[in-house]
Amino acid sequence: SSMNMVADITVPAHGSVAFAAGGYHLMCMQPKLKVGGRIPFALHFKDGSVLLLMAPVYGATSAPPGA
């Protein structure tokens, strides 16, 4: 498998997109993050709205609970 950077992701109207192992995910290339911590980020939509979120930080070998 391979990873490819994408500039945007289409979310269907009234739909959802999952960020999960083997699919879309966020990667910090030079992180100053601690595994087990949380990182704030924002999703910007074409209509101009912004959704602010907090995401858990996992290491390369750690898995989310229930995975």
Protein backbone atom coordinates (compact mmCIF):
# COMPACT_ATOMS: atom_id res chain seq x y z
CA SER A 1 0.00 0.00 0.00
CA SER A 2 1.06 3.60 -0.33
CA MET A 3 0.18 7.00 1.11
CA ASN A 4 -0.69 9.99 -1.01
CA MET A 5 -1.24 13.53 0.22
CA VAL A 6 -4.60 15.02 -0.74
CA ALA A 7 -5.50 18.72 -0.75
CA ASP A 8 -9.17 18.18 -0.04
CA ILE A 9 -11.71 15.47 0.68
CA THR A 10 -15.28 15.43 -0.63
CA VAL A 11 -17.89 14.84 2.06
CA PRO A 12 -21.26 13.90 0.57
CA ALA A 13 -24.28 15.99 1.56
CA HIS A 14 -25.65 14.59 4.84
CA GLY A 15 -22.84 12.03 4.70
CA SER A 16 -19.58 11.42 6.48
CA VAL A 17 -15.96 10.51 5.86
CA ALA A 18 -14.02 8.32 8.28
CA PHE A 19 -10.45 9.02 9.32
CA ALA A 20 -9.13 5.58 10.25
CA ALA A 21 -6.22 3.20 9.91
CA GLY A 22 -5.85 2.11 6.29
CA GLY A 23 -7.77 5.15 5.05
CA TYR A 24 -7.70 8.90 5.49
CA HIS A 25 -5.63 10.13 8.42
CA LEU A 26 -3.71 13.18 9.56
CA MET A 27 0.05 12.93 9.72
CA CYS A 28 2.41 15.41 11.36
CA MET A 29 5.80 15.23 9.70
CA GLN A 30 7.82 17.01 12.40
CA PRO A 31 5.52 16.70 15.37
CA LYS A 32 6.01 18.20 18.78
CA LEU A 33 3.18 16.07 20.07
CA LYS A 34 3.02 13.46 22.81
CA VAL A 35 1.37 10.11 22.25
CA GLY A 36 -1.78 10.07 24.35
CA GLY A 37 -2.24 13.83 24.02
CA ARG A 38 -4.73 15.72 21.89
CA ILE A 39 -4.25 18.17 19.04
CA PRO A 40 -6.63 20.88 17.89
CA PHE A 41 -7.34 21.27 14.18
CA ALA A 42 -9.93 22.86 11.93
CA LEU A 43 -11.89 21.58 8.96
CA HIS A 44 -12.70 24.28 6.40
CA PHE A 45 -15.70 23.74 4.16
CA LYS A 46 -16.42 25.23 0.74
CA ASP A 47 -19.40 27.18 2.15
CA GLY A 48 -16.97 29.06 4.40
CA SER A 49 -17.91 27.28 7.62
CA VAL A 50 -15.24 25.93 9.94
CA LEU A 51 -15.49 22.98 12.33
CA LEU A 52 -12.99 23.02 15.23
CA LEU A 53 -12.02 19.58 16.54
CA MET A 54 -9.70 17.89 19.03
CA ALA A 55 -8.06 14.65 17.93
CA PRO A 56 -6.17 12.06 19.96
CA VAL A 57 -2.47 11.56 19.20
CA TYR A 58 -1.37 7.99 18.40
CA GLY A 59 2.15 6.77 17.67
CA ALA A 60 3.19 4.82 14.61
CA THR A 61 2.80 1.55 16.52
CA SER A 62 -0.14 2.45 18.76
CA ALA A 63 -3.76 1.82 17.91
CA PRO A 64 -6.95 3.58 18.91
CA PRO A 65 -9.05 1.85 21.59
CA GLY A 66 -11.22 -0.86 20.06
CA ALA A 67 -9.10 -1.17 16.91
